[in-house]
């Protein structure tokens, strides 16, 4: 796991120091930040390969930071693990809805956190490798063109910025034109794990994807009670 750069945004100094130390001892490059301003200044200098993001922060909270990350082209596909103060289903789902890759509830053990980090990094690498290996890597439907190799999406010749999960979701739908993908299938394929309580996360990402594709977003059809598809 060497050379993987991780930014830790956590206002509790004792937790931040402990996590950064553990990450460095495990072979990662790690930096800690107390609040959003210093974090985004660092992002401007170097884009991390993973972010650990606390929800409860002074000033700008973690969900707002996550939204900003997902809206910036350079960080739209950076994996994010949310650190949540509570372990309720709603807290977990909110993070996933906003584009997080995973969540760890406080209090957490360092070994558990490191395990979650390895899993997210592994899923990210596997996803990139899988995209490179599957089919031609270029899909076209109506005015939408997806190029997996270059990670680009164009709508009527205009490039559209998608998050990593939105991109993977669109690729899976394009690859399976004419076939219905269930919410559970999408959740397992795109998020890398089966969590039935978060299938609404799929719906939210579909809606966001449709908006980004503008008028062409209507090509993603809802099959009521089942899932989604593109094409007949």
C-alpha atoms as a PDB file:
ATOM      1  CA  UNK A   1       0.000   0.000   0.000  1.00  0.00           C
ATOM      2  CA  UNK A   2       3.017   2.276  -0.296  1.00  0.00           C
ATOM      3  CA  UNK A   3       2.689   5.578  -2.123  1.00  0.00           C
ATOM      4  CA  UNK A   4      -1.059   5.785  -1.447  1.00  0.00           C
ATOM      5  CA  UNK A   5      -1.680   9.318  -0.202  1.00  0.00           C
ATOM      6  CA  UNK A   6      -4.403   9.707   2.434  1.00  0.00           C
ATOM      7  CA  UNK A   7      -5.776  12.950   3.883  1.00  0.00           C
ATOM      8  CA  UNK A   8      -7.458  12.789   7.286  1.00  0.00           C
ATOM      9  CA  UNK A   9      -9.979  15.540   8.107  1.00  0.00           C
ATOM     10  CA  UNK A  10     -10.763  15.245  11.819  1.00  0.00           C
ATOM     11  CA  UNK A  11     -11.085  18.027  14.394  1.00  0.00           C
ATOM     12  CA  UNK A  12     -10.323  15.821  17.413  1.00  0.00           C
ATOM     13  CA  UNK A  13      -6.549  16.171  17.702  1.00  0.00           C
ATOM     14  CA  UNK A  14      -6.020  12.917  19.600  1.00  0.00           C
ATOM     15  CA  UNK A  15      -7.947  10.883  17.011  1.00  0.00           C
ATOM     16  CA  UNK A  16      -6.309  12.711  14.083  1.00  0.00           C
ATOM     17  CA  UNK A  17      -2.809  12.180  15.464  1.00  0.00           C
ATOM     18  CA  UNK A  18      -3.460   8.518  16.190  1.00  0.00           C
ATOM     19  CA  UNK A  19      -4.895   7.814  12.745  1.00  0.00           C
ATOM     20  CA  UNK A  20      -2.138   9.659  10.861  1.00  0.00           C
ATOM     21  CA  UNK A  21       0.514   7.828  12.885  1.00  0.00           C
ATOM     22  CA  UNK A  22      -1.116   4.435  12.221  1.00  0.00           C
ATOM     23  CA  UNK A  23      -1.380   5.162   8.503  1.00  0.00           C
ATOM     24  CA  UNK A  24       2.284   6.117   8.240  1.00  0.00           C
ATOM     25  CA  UNK A  25       3.300   3.019  10.204  1.00  0.00           C
ATOM     26  CA  UNK A  26       1.274   0.951   7.714  1.00  0.00           C
ATOM     27  CA  UNK A  27       3.175   2.363   4.738  1.00  0.00           C
ATOM     28  CA  UNK A  28       0.787   5.096   3.606  1.00  0.00           C
ATOM     29  CA  UNK A  29       1.541   8.758   3.043  1.00  0.00           C
ATOM     30  CA  UNK A  30      -0.744  10.647   5.426  1.00  0.00           C
ATOM     31  CA  UNK A  31      -1.581  14.215   6.398  1.00  0.00           C
ATOM     32  CA  UNK A  32      -4.085  15.443   8.972  1.00  0.00           C
ATOM     33  CA  UNK A  33      -6.325  18.515   8.873  1.00  0.00           C
ATOM     34  CA  UNK A  34      -8.527  20.079  11.525  1.00  0.00           C
ATOM     35  CA  UNK A  35     -10.894  21.921   9.191  1.00  0.00           C
ATOM     36  CA  UNK A  36     -11.842  22.428   5.557  1.00  0.00           C
ATOM     37  CA  UNK A  37      -9.744  25.463   4.626  1.00  0.00           C
ATOM     38  CA  UNK A  38      -6.366  23.843   5.274  1.00  0.00           C
ATOM     39  CA  UNK A  39      -7.619  20.616   3.693  1.00  0.00           C
ATOM     40  CA  UNK A  40      -8.656  22.235   0.418  1.00  0.00           C
ATOM     41  CA  UNK A  41      -5.426  24.225   0.296  1.00  0.00           C
ATOM     42  CA  UNK A  42      -3.548  20.916   0.453  1.00  0.00           C
ATOM     43  CA  UNK A  43      -5.828  19.422  -2.213  1.00  0.00           C
ATOM     44  CA  UNK A  44      -4.893  22.289  -4.532  1.00  0.00           C
ATOM     45  CA  UNK A  45      -1.228  21.350  -4.106  1.00  0.00           C
ATOM     46  CA  UNK A  46      -1.686  17.586  -4.380  1.00  0.00           C
ATOM     47  CA  UNK A  47      -4.748  15.427  -4.947  1.00  0.00           C
ATOM     48  CA  UNK A  48      -4.935  12.569  -2.409  1.00  0.00           C
ATOM     49  CA  UNK A  49      -5.784   9.019  -3.400  1.00  0.00           C
ATOM     50  CA  UNK A  50      -8.174   8.578  -0.480  1.00  0.00           C
ATOM     51  CA  UNK A  51      -9.821  10.839   2.112  1.00  0.00           C
ATOM     52  CA  UNK A  52     -10.933   9.992   5.660  1.00  0.00           C
ATOM     53  CA  UNK A  53     -13.587  12.562   6.475  1.00  0.00           C
ATOM     54  CA  UNK A  54     -15.272  13.234   9.803  1.00  0.00           C
ATOM     55  CA  UNK A  55     -18.893  14.388   9.557  1.00  0.00           C
ATOM     56  CA  UNK A  56     -18.936  16.659  12.622  1.00  0.00           C
ATOM     57  CA  UNK A  57     -16.420  19.454  12.039  1.00  0.00           C
ATOM     58  CA  UNK A  58     -16.179  23.102  13.096  1.00  0.00           C
ATOM     59  CA  UNK A  59     -17.370  25.444  10.378  1.00  0.00           C
ATOM     60  CA  UNK A  60     -17.955  23.444   7.209  1.00  0.00           C
ATOM     61  CA  UNK A  61     -19.145  19.937   8.064  1.00  0.00           C
ATOM     62  CA  UNK A  62     -18.042  16.701   6.451  1.00  0.00           C
ATOM     63  CA  UNK A  63     -21.068  16.251   4.196  1.00  0.00           C
ATOM     64  CA  UNK A  64     -20.588  19.740   2.763  1.00  0.00           C
ATOM     65  CA  UNK A  65     -16.905  18.983   2.170  1.00  0.00           C
ATOM     66  CA  UNK A  66     -17.862  15.713   0.466  1.00  0.00           C
ATOM     67  CA  UNK A  67     -20.282  17.557  -1.810  1.00  0.00           C
ATOM     68  CA  UNK A  68     -17.525  19.992  -2.808  1.00  0.00           C
ATOM     69  CA  UNK A  69     -15.112  17.131  -3.483  1.00  0.00           C
ATOM     70  CA  UNK A  70     -17.621  15.385  -5.722  1.00  0.00           C
ATOM     71  CA  UNK A  71     -18.248  18.622  -7.619  1.00  0.00           C
ATOM     72  CA  UNK A  72     -14.574  19.252  -8.444  1.00  0.00           C
ATOM     73  CA  UNK A  73     -13.242  17.441 -11.543  1.00  0.00           C
ATOM     74  CA  UNK A  74      -9.868  16.670  -9.934  1.00  0.00           C
ATOM     75  CA  UNK A  75     -11.451  15.070  -6.834  1.00  0.00           C
ATOM     76  CA  UNK A  76     -14.740  13.752  -8.211  1.00  0.00           C
ATOM     77  CA  UNK A  77     -13.408  10.184  -8.293  1.00  0.00           C
ATOM     78  CA  UNK A  78     -11.263  10.224  -5.132  1.00  0.00           C
ATOM     79  CA  UNK A  79     -12.511   7.523  -2.689  1.00  0.00           C
ATOM     80  CA  UNK A  80     -13.889   8.897   0.590  1.00  0.00           C
ATOM     81  CA  UNK A  81     -14.500   7.029   3.845  1.00  0.00           C
ATOM     82  CA  UNK A  82     -16.760   8.886   6.261  1.00  0.00           C
ATOM     83  CA  UNK A  83     -16.055   8.824   9.989  1.00  0.00           C
ATOM     84  CA  UNK A  84     -19.456   8.992  11.683  1.00  0.00           C
ATOM     85  CA  UNK A  85     -20.235   9.695  15.332  1.00  0.00           C
ATOM     86  CA  UNK A  86     -23.244   7.398  15.247  1.00  0.00           C
ATOM     87  CA  UNK A  87     -23.877   3.945  13.852  1.00  0.00           C
ATOM     88  CA  UNK A  88     -27.514   4.399  12.862  1.00  0.00           C
ATOM     89  CA  UNK A  89     -28.634   3.307   9.414  1.00  0.00           C
ATOM     90  CA  UNK A  90     -29.604   6.885   8.527  1.00  0.00           C
ATOM     91  CA  UNK A  91     -26.082   8.167   9.224  1.00  0.00           C
ATOM     92  CA  UNK A  92     -24.623   5.447   7.025  1.00  0.00           C
ATOM     93  CA  UNK A  93     -27.070   6.041   4.199  1.00  0.00           C
ATOM     94  CA  UNK A  94     -26.595   9.827   4.234  1.00  0.00           C
ATOM     95  CA  UNK A  95     -22.883   9.430   3.585  1.00  0.00           C
ATOM     96  CA  UNK A  96     -23.442   6.941   0.778  1.00  0.00           C
ATOM     97  CA  UNK A  97     -26.132   9.173  -0.718  1.00  0.00           C
ATOM     98  CA  UNK A  98     -23.642  12.030  -0.877  1.00  0.00           C
ATOM     99  CA  UNK A  99     -21.096   9.894  -2.733  1.00  0.00           C
ATOM    100  CA  UNK A 100     -19.005   8.314   0.051  1.00  0.00           C
ATOM    101  CA  UNK A 101     -17.391   4.948  -0.634  1.00  0.00           C
ATOM    102  CA  UNK A 102     -17.684   3.580   2.899  1.00  0.00           C
ATOM    103  CA  UNK A 103     -18.225   4.624   6.498  1.00  0.00           C
ATOM    104  CA  UNK A 104     -16.673   3.789   9.863  1.00  0.00           C
ATOM    105  CA  UNK A 105     -18.608   4.495  13.054  1.00  0.00           C
ATOM    106  CA  UNK A 106     -16.930   5.982  16.125  1.00  0.00           C
ATOM    107  CA  UNK A 107     -15.532   4.710  18.358  1.00  0.00           C
ATOM    108  CA  UNK A 108     -13.516   2.532  15.988  1.00  0.00           C
ATOM    109  CA  UNK A 109     -10.432   0.382  16.298  1.00  0.00           C
ATOM    110  CA  UNK A 110      -7.367   1.182  14.208  1.00  0.00           C
ATOM    111  CA  UNK A 111      -7.243  -2.360  12.830  1.00  0.00           C
ATOM    112  CA  UNK A 112     -10.843  -2.058  11.642  1.00  0.00           C
ATOM    113  CA  UNK A 113     -10.104   1.307  10.030  1.00  0.00           C
ATOM    114  CA  UNK A 114      -7.016  -0.019   8.249  1.00  0.00           C
ATOM    115  CA  UNK A 115      -9.039  -2.989   7.013  1.00  0.00           C
ATOM    116  CA  UNK A 116     -11.719  -0.688   5.579  1.00  0.00           C
ATOM    117  CA  UNK A 117      -9.057   1.446   3.899  1.00  0.00           C
ATOM    118  CA  UNK A 118      -7.443  -1.596   2.290  1.00  0.00           C
ATOM    119  CA  UNK A 119     -10.856  -2.777   1.064  1.00  0.00           C
ATOM    120  CA  UNK A 120     -11.708   0.580  -0.522  1.00  0.00           C
ATOM    121  CA  UNK A 121      -8.279   0.888  -2.157  1.00  0.00           C
ATOM    122  CA  UNK A 122      -8.568  -2.684  -3.419  1.00  0.00           C
ATOM    123  CA  UNK A 123     -12.064  -2.092  -4.828  1.00  0.00           C
ATOM    124  CA  UNK A 124     -10.881   1.088  -6.535  1.00  0.00           C
ATOM    125  CA  UNK A 125      -7.926  -0.676  -8.164  1.00  0.00           C
ATOM    126  CA  UNK A 126     -10.092  -3.645  -9.170  1.00  0.00           C
ATOM    127  CA  UNK A 127     -12.707  -1.347 -10.679  1.00  0.00           C
ATOM    128  CA  UNK A 128     -10.133   0.463 -12.785  1.00  0.00           C
ATOM    129  CA  UNK A 129      -8.628  -2.854 -13.917  1.00  0.00           C
ATOM    130  CA  UNK A 130     -12.040  -4.326 -14.683  1.00  0.00           C
ATOM    131  CA  UNK A 131     -13.018  -1.315 -16.753  1.00  0.00           C
ATOM    132  CA  UNK A 132      -9.821  -1.646 -18.764  1.00  0.00           C
ATOM    133  CA  UNK A 133     -10.499  -5.325 -19.465  1.00  0.00           C
ATOM    134  CA  UNK A 134     -14.230  -5.356 -20.238  1.00  0.00           C
ATOM    135  CA  UNK A 135     -15.287  -5.097 -23.865  1.00  0.00           C
ATOM    136  CA  UNK A 136     -14.154  -2.337 -26.197  1.00  0.00           C
ATOM    137  CA  UNK A 137     -14.401   0.244 -23.448  1.00  0.00           C
ATOM    138  CA  UNK A 138     -16.393   2.604 -25.682  1.00  0.00           C
ATOM    139  CA  UNK A 139     -20.189   2.786 -25.454  1.00  0.00           C
ATOM    140  CA  UNK A 140     -22.551   5.006 -27.385  1.00  0.00           C
ATOM    141  CA  UNK A 141     -26.271   5.548 -26.958  1.00  0.00           C
ATOM    142  CA  UNK A 142     -28.101   8.444 -28.570  1.00  0.00           C
ATOM    143  CA  UNK A 143     -25.929  11.534 -27.907  1.00  0.00           C
ATOM    144  CA  UNK A 144     -23.972   9.988 -25.043  1.00  0.00           C
ATOM    145  CA  UNK A 145     -20.501   8.521 -25.553  1.00  0.00           C
ATOM    146  CA  UNK A 146     -18.538   6.788 -22.772  1.00  0.00           C
ATOM    147  CA  UNK A 147     -14.836   5.973 -23.075  1.00  0.00           C
ATOM    148  CA  UNK A 148     -13.686   3.762 -20.210  1.00  0.00           C
ATOM    149  CA  UNK A 149      -9.997   3.944 -21.109  1.00  0.00           C
ATOM    150  CA  UNK A 150      -9.871   7.736 -20.841  1.00  0.00           C
ATOM    151  CA  UNK A 151     -12.617   7.952 -18.197  1.00  0.00           C
ATOM    152  CA  UNK A 152     -14.528  10.500 -20.250  1.00  0.00           C
ATOM    153  CA  UNK A 153     -18.210  11.023 -20.946  1.00  0.00           C
ATOM    154  CA  UNK A 154     -19.441  13.345 -23.663  1.00  0.00           C
ATOM    155  CA  UNK A 155     -22.985  14.445 -24.389  1.00  0.00           C
ATOM    156  CA  UNK A 156     -23.411  15.750 -27.932  1.00  0.00           C
ATOM    157  CA  UNK A 157     -19.653  16.382 -28.008  1.00  0.00           C
ATOM    158  CA  UNK A 158     -19.543  18.229 -24.664  1.00  0.00           C
ATOM    159  CA  UNK A 159     -17.570  16.581 -21.868  1.00  0.00           C
ATOM    160  CA  UNK A 160     -19.440  15.927 -18.630  1.00  0.00           C
ATOM    161  CA  UNK A 161     -17.705  15.465 -15.261  1.00  0.00           C
ATOM    162  CA  UNK A 162     -18.943  12.469 -13.282  1.00  0.00           C
ATOM    163  CA  UNK A 163     -17.886  11.043  -9.947  1.00  0.00           C
ATOM    164  CA  UNK A 164     -16.220   7.628  -9.972  1.00  0.00           C
ATOM    165  CA  UNK A 165     -19.438   5.927  -8.898  1.00  0.00           C
ATOM    166  CA  UNK A 166     -21.583   7.830 -11.388  1.00  0.00           C
ATOM    167  CA  UNK A 167     -19.120   6.855 -14.103  1.00  0.00           C
ATOM    168  CA  UNK A 168     -19.154   3.186 -13.080  1.00  0.00           C
ATOM    169  CA  UNK A 169     -22.944   3.230 -12.851  1.00  0.00           C
ATOM    170  CA  UNK A 170     -23.271   4.681 -16.350  1.00  0.00           C
ATOM    171  CA  UNK A 171     -20.747   2.188 -17.747  1.00  0.00           C
ATOM    172  CA  UNK A 172     -22.656  -0.764 -16.302  1.00  0.00           C
ATOM    173  CA  UNK A 173     -25.940   0.476 -17.716  1.00  0.00           C
ATOM    174  CA  UNK A 174     -24.379   1.176 -21.129  1.00  0.00           C
ATOM    175  CA  UNK A 175     -22.651  -2.195 -21.177  1.00  0.00           C
ATOM    176  CA  UNK A 176     -25.968  -3.932 -20.460  1.00  0.00           C
ATOM    177  CA  UNK A 177     -28.142  -2.018 -22.923  1.00  0.00           C
ATOM    178  CA  UNK A 178     -31.595  -3.559 -23.098  1.00  0.00           C
ATOM    179  CA  UNK A 179     -31.163  -5.433 -19.814  1.00  0.00           C
ATOM    180  CA  UNK A 180     -32.654  -4.410 -16.482  1.00  0.00           C
ATOM    181  CA  UNK A 181     -30.182  -4.109 -13.595  1.00  0.00           C
ATOM    182  CA  UNK A 182     -31.742  -4.444 -10.157  1.00  0.00           C
ATOM    183  CA  UNK A 183     -30.865  -2.024  -7.372  1.00  0.00           C
ATOM    184  CA  UNK A 184     -29.122  -4.804  -5.460  1.00  0.00           C
ATOM    185  CA  UNK A 185     -27.050  -5.729  -8.521  1.00  0.00           C
ATOM    186  CA  UNK A 186     -26.044  -2.105  -8.988  1.00  0.00           C
ATOM    187  CA  UNK A 187     -25.219  -1.679  -5.294  1.00  0.00           C
ATOM    188  CA  UNK A 188     -22.955  -4.719  -5.282  1.00  0.00           C
ATOM    189  CA  UNK A 189     -21.332  -3.903  -8.609  1.00  0.00           C
ATOM    190  CA  UNK A 190     -20.737  -0.172  -8.115  1.00  0.00           C
ATOM    191  CA  UNK A 191     -20.231   0.070  -4.355  1.00  0.00           C
ATOM    192  CA  UNK A 192     -18.560  -3.301  -3.985  1.00  0.00           C
ATOM    193  CA  UNK A 193     -20.748  -4.586  -1.166  1.00  0.00           C
ATOM    194  CA  UNK A 194     -24.326  -5.677  -0.550  1.00  0.00           C
ATOM    195  CA  UNK A 195     -26.152  -3.371   1.827  1.00  0.00           C
ATOM    196  CA  UNK A 196     -29.885  -3.614   1.244  1.00  0.00           C
ATOM    197  CA  UNK A 197     -30.636  -0.619   3.462  1.00  0.00           C
ATOM    198  CA  UNK A 198     -28.803   1.654   1.030  1.00  0.00           C
ATOM    199  CA  UNK A 199     -30.600   0.797  -2.205  1.00  0.00           C
ATOM    200  CA  UNK A 200     -32.132   4.285  -2.123  1.00  0.00           C
ATOM    201  CA  UNK A 201     -28.549   5.443  -2.618  1.00  0.00           C
ATOM    202  CA  UNK A 202     -28.775   3.922  -6.097  1.00  0.00           C
ATOM    203  CA  UNK A 203     -31.916   5.956  -6.814  1.00  0.00           C
ATOM    204  CA  UNK A 204     -30.225   9.175  -5.709  1.00  0.00           C
ATOM    205  CA  UNK A 205     -27.175   8.512  -7.901  1.00  0.00           C
ATOM    206  CA  UNK A 206     -29.424   7.707 -10.860  1.00  0.00           C
ATOM    207  CA  UNK A 207     -31.227  11.026 -10.423  1.00  0.00           C
ATOM    208  CA  UNK A 208     -27.935  12.929 -10.182  1.00  0.00           C
ATOM    209  CA  UNK A 209     -26.619  11.134 -13.262  1.00  0.00           C
ATOM    210  CA  UNK A 210     -29.759  11.985 -15.230  1.00  0.00           C
ATOM    211  CA  UNK A 211     -29.391  15.670 -14.339  1.00  0.00           C
ATOM    212  CA  UNK A 212     -25.752  15.742 -15.441  1.00  0.00           C
ATOM    213  CA  UNK A 213     -26.715  14.186 -18.791  1.00  0.00           C
ATOM    214  CA  UNK A 214     -29.393  16.891 -19.215  1.00  0.00           C
ATOM    215  CA  UNK A 215     -32.042  15.992 -21.818  1.00  0.00           C
ATOM    216  CA  UNK A 216     -30.248  12.732 -22.593  1.00  0.00           C
ATOM    217  CA  UNK A 217     -30.693  11.621 -18.991  1.00  0.00           C
ATOM    218  CA  UNK A 218     -34.124  10.321 -19.968  1.00  0.00           C
ATOM    219  CA  UNK A 219     -32.374   7.406 -21.708  1.00  0.00           C
ATOM    220  CA  UNK A 220     -31.996   5.843 -18.233  1.00  0.00           C
ATOM    221  CA  UNK A 221     -35.354   4.182 -17.743  1.00  0.00           C
ATOM    222  CA  UNK A 222     -36.910   3.202 -14.431  1.00  0.00           C
ATOM    223  CA  UNK A 223     -38.399  -0.289 -14.376  1.00  0.00           C
ATOM    224  CA  UNK A 224     -40.813   0.075 -11.488  1.00  0.00           C
ATOM    225  CA  UNK A 225     -40.223  -2.339  -8.639  1.00  0.00           C
ATOM    226  CA  UNK A 226     -37.122  -3.806 -10.315  1.00  0.00           C
ATOM    227  CA  UNK A 227     -34.351  -1.376 -11.242  1.00  0.00           C
ATOM    228  CA  UNK A 228     -32.995   0.546 -14.218  1.00  0.00           C
ATOM    229  CA  UNK A 229     -31.982   0.059 -17.829  1.00  0.00           C
ATOM    230  CA  UNK A 230     -30.855   1.834 -20.975  1.00  0.00           C
ATOM    231  CA  UNK A 231     -32.377   0.913 -24.314  1.00  0.00           C
ATOM    232  CA  UNK A 232     -35.200  -1.411 -25.290  1.00  0.00           C
END
